[in-house]
Amino acid sequence: MAIPLAEVDLRVGGEFKIRMQAEDGPPHTVTGVYREIDPPRRLVYSWSWVENEAHAGAETQVTVEFEERGDATEVILTHEGFPTEEARDSHNQGWVGILERMAGAV
């Protein structure tokens, strides 16, 4: 996926907007508000899809925690508040893919 738009106001109460674009599909835009910023340990923000009718109006919460593990950092990502198991499973698949790519980049 390409990211043609990324707007970030990284402060508590600040908003973000990210548009993802696959070569052969419609755009996927997510918006949210930063609820907690505790560098370098924790980041909490809301997550809402703009175009996705299956998830329209559903606001979920993402918590990302960073734990030191010797010379490495463990990333613990919790995404909660899904309206359906299908929505949860779909997001899980996306997050696992992202985290696997991050792990392979180091």
N, C-alpha and C. Protein backbone atom coordinates (compact mmCIF):
# COMPACT_ATOMS: atom_id res chain seq x y z
N MET A 1 0.84 -1.19 0.00
CA MET A 1 0.00 0.00 0.00
C MET A 1 0.88 1.25 0.00
N ALA A 2 0.47 2.21 -0.77
CA ALA A 2 1.11 3.53 -0.75
C ALA A 2 0.38 4.39 0.27
N ILE A 3 1.05 5.38 0.81
CA ILE A 3 0.45 6.31 1.77
C ILE A 3 0.51 7.72 1.15
N PRO A 4 -0.51 8.09 0.35
CA PRO A 4 -0.47 9.41 -0.30
C PRO A 4 -0.77 10.57 0.65
N LEU A 5 -1.30 10.28 1.84
CA LEU A 5 -1.62 11.34 2.79
C LEU A 5 -1.37 10.86 4.21
N ALA A 6 -0.63 11.66 4.97
CA ALA A 6 -0.43 11.39 6.39
C ALA A 6 -0.35 12.73 7.11
N GLU A 7 -1.38 13.05 7.86
CA GLU A 7 -1.42 14.28 8.65
C GLU A 7 -1.40 13.89 10.12
N VAL A 8 -0.47 14.46 10.88
CA VAL A 8 -0.31 14.07 12.29
C VAL A 8 -0.11 15.32 13.14
N ASP A 9 -0.92 15.45 14.18
CA ASP A 9 -0.76 16.49 15.20
C ASP A 9 -0.52 15.75 16.51
N LEU A 10 0.74 15.36 16.73
CA LEU A 10 1.10 14.45 17.82
C LEU A 10 1.15 15.17 19.16
N ARG A 11 -0.03 15.32 19.75
CA ARG A 11 -0.20 15.88 21.10
C ARG A 11 -1.52 15.33 21.62
N VAL A 12 -1.67 15.25 22.92
CA VAL A 12 -2.93 14.78 23.48
C VAL A 12 -4.05 15.69 22.99
N GLY A 13 -5.07 15.10 22.40
CA GLY A 13 -6.16 15.87 21.80
C GLY A 13 -5.93 16.18 20.34
N GLY A 14 -4.71 15.99 19.85
CA GLY A 14 -4.39 16.21 18.44
C GLY A 14 -4.97 15.10 17.59
N GLU A 15 -5.19 15.40 16.33
CA GLU A 15 -5.81 14.44 15.42
C GLU A 15 -4.80 13.95 14.39
N PHE A 16 -5.12 12.79 13.80
CA PHE A 16 -4.34 12.28 12.68
C PHE A 16 -5.29 11.80 11.59
N LYS A 17 -4.76 11.76 10.37
CA LYS A 17 -5.50 11.24 9.22
C LYS A 17 -4.48 10.57 8.31
N ILE A 18 -4.75 9.31 7.97
CA ILE A 18 -3.84 8.55 7.11
C ILE A 18 -4.66 7.92 6.00
N ARG A 19 -4.24 8.15 4.76
CA ARG A 19 -4.91 7.54 3.61
C ARG A 19 -3.96 6.50 3.01
N MET A 20 -4.46 5.28 2.89
CA MET A 20 -3.71 4.18 2.30
C MET A 20 -4.34 3.85 0.95
N GLN A 21 -3.49 3.55 -0.03
CA GLN A 21 -4.00 3.30 -1.38
C GLN A 21 -3.32 2.07 -1.97
N ALA A 22 -4.11 1.04 -2.26
CA ALA A 22 -3.61 -0.12 -2.99
C ALA A 22 -3.65 0.20 -4.48
N GLU A 23 -2.80 -0.46 -5.25
CA GLU A 23 -2.76 -0.21 -6.69
C GLU A 23 -4.09 -0.48 -7.37
N ASP A 24 -4.78 -1.50 -6.92
CA ASP A 24 -5.97 -1.95 -7.62
C ASP A 24 -7.26 -1.79 -6.82
N GLY A 25 -7.29 -0.85 -5.87
CA GLY A 25 -8.49 -0.73 -5.07
C GLY A 25 -8.77 0.69 -4.63
N PRO A 26 -9.87 0.84 -3.91
CA PRO A 26 -10.25 2.17 -3.43
C PRO A 26 -9.33 2.60 -2.27
N PRO A 27 -9.35 3.89 -1.94
CA PRO A 27 -8.54 4.35 -0.81
C PRO A 27 -9.14 3.87 0.52
N HIS A 28 -8.28 3.79 1.51
CA HIS A 28 -8.68 3.46 2.87
C HIS A 28 -8.15 4.58 3.76
N THR A 29 -9.05 5.33 4.38
CA THR A 29 -8.65 6.46 5.20
C THR A 29 -9.05 6.20 6.64
N VAL A 30 -8.11 6.41 7.55
CA VAL A 30 -8.37 6.26 8.97
C VAL A 30 -8.08 7.59 9.66
N THR A 31 -8.91 7.93 10.65
CA THR A 31 -8.70 9.14 11.44
C THR A 31 -8.72 8.76 12.92
N GLY A 32 -8.21 9.65 13.72
CA GLY A 32 -8.24 9.40 15.15
C GLY A 32 -7.73 10.58 15.94
N VAL A 33 -7.79 10.42 17.26
CA VAL A 33 -7.36 11.45 18.20
C VAL A 33 -6.40 10.81 19.19
N TYR A 34 -5.29 11.47 19.45
CA TYR A 34 -4.32 10.98 20.43
C TYR A 34 -4.87 11.21 21.83
N ARG A 35 -4.95 10.14 22.61
CA ARG A 35 -5.51 10.21 23.96
C ARG A 35 -4.44 10.21 25.04
N GLU A 36 -3.33 9.54 24.77
CA GLU A 36 -2.24 9.47 25.75
C GLU A 36 -0.92 9.37 24.99
N ILE A 37 0.05 10.18 25.39
CA ILE A 37 1.38 10.15 24.81
C ILE A 37 2.36 10.15 25.98
N ASP A 38 3.08 9.05 26.13
CA ASP A 38 4.02 8.89 27.24
C ASP A 38 5.35 8.34 26.69
N PRO A 39 6.14 9.23 26.04
CA PRO A 39 7.38 8.76 25.42
C PRO A 39 8.38 8.30 26.48
N PRO A 40 9.13 7.29 26.24
CA PRO A 40 9.10 6.40 25.07
C PRO A 40 8.32 5.12 25.35
N ARG A 41 7.39 5.15 26.28
CA ARG A 41 6.72 3.94 26.74
C ARG A 41 5.39 3.61 26.10
N ARG A 42 4.55 4.62 25.81
CA ARG A 42 3.15 4.29 25.50
C ARG A 42 2.52 5.36 24.62
N LEU A 43 1.65 4.89 23.73
CA LEU A 43 0.87 5.77 22.86
C LEU A 43 -0.53 5.18 22.76
N VAL A 44 -1.56 6.01 23.00
CA VAL A 44 -2.96 5.56 22.94
C VAL A 44 -3.72 6.54 22.04
N TYR A 45 -4.49 5.97 21.10
CA TYR A 45 -5.26 6.83 20.18
C TYR A 45 -6.51 6.11 19.70
N SER A 46 -7.50 6.91 19.28
CA SER A 46 -8.71 6.35 18.70
C SER A 46 -8.45 6.02 17.24
N TRP A 47 -9.33 5.19 16.66
CA TRP A 47 -9.16 4.71 15.29
C TRP A 47 -10.53 4.58 14.65
N SER A 48 -10.76 5.33 13.56
CA SER A 48 -12.05 5.27 12.86
C SER A 48 -11.82 5.29 11.36
N TRP A 49 -12.46 4.38 10.65
CA TRP A 49 -12.38 4.33 9.19
C TRP A 49 -13.34 5.35 8.59
N VAL A 50 -12.93 5.96 7.48
CA VAL A 50 -13.78 6.94 6.79
C VAL A 50 -14.61 6.26 5.71
N GLU A 51 -13.98 5.54 4.78
CA GLU A 51 -14.69 4.98 3.63
C GLU A 51 -15.32 3.61 3.88
N ASN A 52 -14.82 2.86 4.81
CA ASN A 52 -15.23 1.47 4.99
C ASN A 52 -16.63 1.37 5.59
N GLU A 53 -17.60 1.02 4.76
CA GLU A 53 -19.00 0.95 5.22
C GLU A 53 -19.20 -0.10 6.31
N ALA A 54 -18.44 -1.18 6.25
CA ALA A 54 -18.60 -2.25 7.24
C ALA A 54 -18.22 -1.77 8.65
N HIS A 55 -17.34 -0.79 8.72
CA HIS A 55 -16.88 -0.29 10.02
C HIS A 55 -17.28 1.16 10.27
N ALA A 56 -18.11 1.73 9.42
CA ALA A 56 -18.49 3.14 9.53
C ALA A 56 -19.10 3.44 10.89
N GLY A 57 -18.65 4.52 11.49
CA GLY A 57 -19.19 4.96 12.77
C GLY A 57 -18.62 4.25 13.97
N ALA A 58 -17.81 3.20 13.75
CA ALA A 58 -17.23 2.46 14.87
C ALA A 58 -15.88 3.07 15.23
N GLU A 59 -15.76 3.54 16.45
CA GLU A 59 -14.48 4.06 16.92
C GLU A 59 -13.86 3.03 17.86
N THR A 60 -12.65 2.64 17.55
CA THR A 60 -11.93 1.68 18.37
C THR A 60 -10.74 2.40 19.01
N GLN A 61 -10.02 1.69 19.85
CA GLN A 61 -8.86 2.29 20.52
C GLN A 61 -7.62 1.42 20.31
N VAL A 62 -6.51 2.08 20.00
CA VAL A 62 -5.22 1.42 19.82
C VAL A 62 -4.29 1.87 20.93
N THR A 63 -3.63 0.91 21.56
CA THR A 63 -2.60 1.19 22.56
C THR A 63 -1.32 0.51 22.09
N VAL A 64 -0.25 1.29 22.00
CA VAL A 64 1.05 0.75 21.61
C VAL A 64 2.00 0.99 22.77
N GLU A 65 2.58 -0.11 23.26
CA GLU A 65 3.51 -0.01 24.38
C GLU A 65 4.87 -0.53 23.93
N PHE A 66 5.92 0.09 24.45
CA PHE A 66 7.30 -0.26 24.10
C PHE A 66 8.02 -0.68 25.36
N GLU A 67 8.49 -1.94 25.39
CA GLU A 67 9.16 -2.49 26.56
C GLU A 67 10.61 -2.83 26.20
N GLU A 68 11.55 -2.31 26.98
CA GLU A 68 12.95 -2.65 26.77
C GLU A 68 13.18 -4.11 27.11
N ARG A 69 13.88 -4.80 26.23
CA ARG A 69 14.24 -6.21 26.43
C ARG A 69 15.72 -6.36 26.08
N GLY A 70 16.60 -5.95 27.00
CA GLY A 70 18.03 -5.98 26.72
C GLY A 70 18.37 -4.98 25.64
N ASP A 71 18.93 -5.47 24.53
CA ASP A 71 19.29 -4.57 23.43
C ASP A 71 18.19 -4.48 22.37
N ALA A 72 16.99 -4.95 22.71
CA ALA A 72 15.87 -4.91 21.79
C ALA A 72 14.67 -4.23 22.46
N THR A 73 13.67 -3.93 21.67
CA THR A 73 12.43 -3.35 22.19
C THR A 73 11.26 -4.23 21.76
N GLU A 74 10.45 -4.62 22.72
CA GLU A 74 9.23 -5.37 22.42
C GLU A 74 8.10 -4.37 22.20
N VAL A 75 7.37 -4.53 21.11
CA VAL A 75 6.22 -3.69 20.81
C VAL A 75 4.96 -4.49 21.13
N ILE A 76 4.13 -3.95 22.03
CA ILE A 76 2.87 -4.59 22.41
C ILE A 76 1.75 -3.71 21.89
N LEU A 77 0.98 -4.24 20.94
CA LEU A 77 -0.08 -3.48 20.31
C LEU A 77 -1.42 -4.10 20.69
N THR A 78 -2.29 -3.29 21.27
CA THR A 78 -3.63 -3.73 21.64
C THR A 78 -4.63 -2.84 20.91
N HIS A 79 -5.51 -3.47 20.14
CA HIS A 79 -6.55 -2.73 19.41
C HIS A 79 -7.87 -3.31 19.88
N GLU A 80 -8.71 -2.48 20.49
CA GLU A 80 -9.93 -3.00 21.14
C GLU A 80 -11.16 -2.17 20.83
N GLY A 81 -12.30 -2.77 21.14
CA GLY A 81 -13.58 -2.08 20.98
C GLY A 81 -14.25 -2.33 19.64
N PHE A 82 -13.93 -3.46 19.00
CA PHE A 82 -14.52 -3.75 17.69
C PHE A 82 -15.99 -4.12 17.80
N PRO A 83 -16.79 -3.71 16.81
CA PRO A 83 -18.22 -4.03 16.85
C PRO A 83 -18.51 -5.49 16.51
N THR A 84 -17.59 -6.16 15.78
CA THR A 84 -17.81 -7.55 15.39
C THR A 84 -16.49 -8.32 15.44
N GLU A 85 -16.60 -9.65 15.51
CA GLU A 85 -15.41 -10.50 15.46
C GLU A 85 -14.74 -10.39 14.11
N GLU A 86 -15.51 -10.23 13.04
CA GLU A 86 -14.96 -10.09 11.70
C GLU A 86 -14.07 -8.84 11.62
N ALA A 87 -14.54 -7.74 12.18
CA ALA A 87 -13.75 -6.50 12.19
C ALA A 87 -12.46 -6.72 12.98
N ARG A 88 -12.56 -7.36 14.12
CA ARG A 88 -11.38 -7.65 14.95
C ARG A 88 -10.37 -8.49 14.18
N ASP A 89 -10.83 -9.56 13.55
CA ASP A 89 -9.95 -10.46 12.83
C ASP A 89 -9.29 -9.78 11.64
N SER A 90 -10.03 -8.94 10.94
CA SER A 90 -9.48 -8.21 9.80
C SER A 90 -8.36 -7.27 10.24
N HIS A 91 -8.58 -6.56 11.33
CA HIS A 91 -7.56 -5.65 11.84
C HIS A 91 -6.35 -6.42 12.37
N ASN A 92 -6.60 -7.55 13.01
CA ASN A 92 -5.50 -8.36 13.51
C ASN A 92 -4.57 -8.77 12.36
N GLN A 93 -5.16 -9.17 11.27
CA GLN A 93 -4.37 -9.58 10.10
C GLN A 93 -3.53 -8.40 9.60
N GLY A 94 -4.11 -7.22 9.55
CA GLY A 94 -3.37 -6.03 9.10
C GLY A 94 -2.24 -5.67 10.03
N TRP A 95 -2.50 -5.66 11.34
CA TRP A 95 -1.46 -5.31 12.31
C TRP A 95 -0.32 -6.32 12.31
N VAL A 96 -0.66 -7.61 12.22
CA VAL A 96 0.39 -8.64 12.19
C VAL A 96 1.29 -8.42 10.98
N GLY A 97 0.71 -8.12 9.83
CA GLY A 97 1.50 -7.85 8.63
C GLY A 97 2.43 -6.66 8.80
N ILE A 98 1.93 -5.60 9.40
CA ILE A 98 2.75 -4.41 9.64
C ILE A 98 3.89 -4.72 10.60
N LEU A 99 3.58 -5.39 11.70
CA LEU A 99 4.62 -5.69 12.69
C LEU A 99 5.67 -6.65 12.13
N GLU A 100 5.25 -7.60 11.31
CA GLU A 100 6.22 -8.51 10.69
C GLU A 100 7.15 -7.76 9.75
N ARG A 101 6.63 -6.81 8.99
CA ARG A 101 7.48 -6.00 8.10
C ARG A 101 8.45 -5.15 8.91
N MET A 102 7.97 -4.60 10.04
CA MET A 102 8.86 -3.81 10.89
C MET A 102 9.99 -4.68 11.44
N ALA A 103 9.67 -5.88 11.90
CA ALA A 103 10.68 -6.78 12.46
C ALA A 103 11.71 -7.16 11.40
N GLY A 104 11.27 -7.32 10.17
CA GLY A 104 12.18 -7.67 9.07
C GLY A 104 13.04 -6.52 8.60
N ALA A 105 12.69 -5.30 8.98
CA ALA A 105 13.42 -4.13 8.52
C ALA A 105 14.65 -3.82 9.37
N VAL A 106 14.76 -4.47 10.53
CA VAL A 106 15.91 -4.18 11.41
C VAL A 106 17.01 -5.19 11.27
